[in-house]
Every structure is written in structure tokens, then in C-alpha cells.
Amino acid sequence: MPLAIRTAQPRKSRIKPPAPRRSRATQRASLAAAACALAALAPRAEAQTPSPLGEWQYSAGIPLEKMFQPNRPDFEARLGVGATFEPRYDGSDRYHTQVGPSIDLRYRDILFGSTGEGFGANVLQGENWRVSVAAVYDLGRRGQDDPTRLHGMGNINPAPELKIAGEYVISKDFPLVFRTAFTRSFGGSNGWIADLGAYMPLPGSNQNFYWFAGPSVTFADSNYMQSWFGVTPQQAAASGYRQYDASAGLKSAGFGITMVYFVNKHWFVSADGAIKRLLGSASHSPIIQSKTGGVCDVSINYQF
């Protein structure tokens, strides 16, 4: 959707410039990362239901903040509203738009509450890494999400989940970030899912605009795969789909881009785009209408 954005005056950076002995290429990489680290990205408006977004896009930029601006306020809050355009269900070729809040609350780089990362704490951390534990919520899948395609498949019930995630930044000079997240559903699919991803700041990032890009891959156990992509004998009889047993393993691979533009020191606009390809037994499921899915979202946020 079009957005009217006025140009903001550059904000002063508290980040020290690179040492003179570094090469020009190294300076550019460090300055790009420093610009990206001026503020964290707001979490996305979408729920934790499976999405083509990479897991890293929920927290993009946050570990870079700590490296370049270690002396941050004890409490930080960012609130907004966003809209997401995404498939009706994982594997659908039909799309819909969802609107919801964008919330990101952080206390002393320890406690956090976010619509993207959930509610949790950084239980272990260093200068360039962190390990977090969080409670999240999966909205599941309802037959009414797409009555013509999911008729007779029943619902995957909403369920609380436990997420254990880790992030590691190589260095200031080479700000490549790796993220891994393991999520366990208690109810719903009753399964495990693992996301591995990486991202970097892109050229052109500055104090008012910055963007990231990177790939991701997702693995899942048999409980998760069977819930989302399998067809039981009872479902086959009710839906007309053939019976299908989905097995554990590689679920999907994708690539995402995240962008943030600061209108001023308080208001900013965040946008994401990602594409995902279903792989393994997920791609052969009879309920899949399209192996490739995309998503885009935009949110308008205010940081205190």
C-alpha cells in the first residue's frame, strides 16, 4: 500500500567511527551495521502461525544494537499497527490480509515482550551472542480459513508454544548474524519445529533507513508434519483427499528482506517481504495447492 513519508533530519550517532587503519570496504561494512544498530526493528503484526517470513525477521537488527550501542535505556517500548498479506494456510495459493498490533517491550536486554518473539528472557548472553527462552502462541489452522480447500480436514487447534532461540554476530567489521530457533507446541500439532537463518545489513543503509536480507531453512518432526500436511483415513473420507503420511525432515527454504525507515526519532515504518518453497514430504501433500508462497507486510510504529 502507498505510504506518504517525509524526509527526516539525520540523527546524531553515538557510535564511534572505525579506526583509520581499516580498509575502505571494512569501513563501509562497519558503518552500515552501525547505522542499522541505531534502533531495533519493531516486531511484525502477524501471529506465530506458519508464515513464509524467516524466523530471523522477527528480531532482525536487535543483536546488532547491543554491539554498537551497549549503553541503552533500561526500558524501551515500541507500539504500532500493521497489516500482513499472506497465504490462507501453509501451502495455499489463495491469500488474505490480516491486521493487528505491533508491540515490542524490552527491559535491560533481559526481559522482552513482542508480537514477533513472544514473551521471554535472554537467559545467556555475551557481547555478540544471546540465548533466549520465550512463550509464544500458535493460532493453528481452521477449516474456515479456506472452506473449499480444507473441507473435511478439521482444525489444528490454537496452542501455547515454548521457543528456545540463539543469535550470534560474527563481528562489527563483518555483521553477519546467525539465528536458530527451536519451538515446541503444547497442543495443536504437538510437534517440534526448527528454524535456521542468517542475515546481513545491505548497502545503502544509513541512520534513517536500513535494510537486511538473508536465507532460512525449516525442519520439523513427524507430529508437526503430519498435523499440517498429512491426511488421516478419517480426513480422507471426509475431504476427498487421498490418505497421506507426512514424515519428519526438511520442511521449507526461503529468503527474506526487511526494511525500516525512520520518519523522525519516534515514528518509523517497517516493511517485510519473503518467499518460501515447501520441500520434502510437505511438498507432496495432497492439500498443497502451491509449493511456493510469499508474504509482505507493513507496520507504522512509535518508539518512546
Foldseek 3Di string as FASTA:
>chain_A
DDDDFDAEDFDDAPFDQDDPVDDPLLRQQLQLLSLLLPDWDWADFDAPADFLDALCNRGPNPLSVCLGPVPDDQKKKKKWKKKKWWALHQQHPDIDMDIGITIWIHGNQFWIDTRRPATWTFPDDDSFKTKIKHKGKHQWHACVSDVLLCFLVGTQHIFIKIKIKMKGAPDSSHGKMKMKMWMATDGRLRWIKIKIKIKGWDPPRGNFKTKMKIKMWMWIAQSNCCRRQAADPSSCVRNVFDGGRAHTTTFKMKMKMKMKGHSYPFKIKIKMKMKMATDGSNNVGPSRPHRMIMMMMMIIMTMD
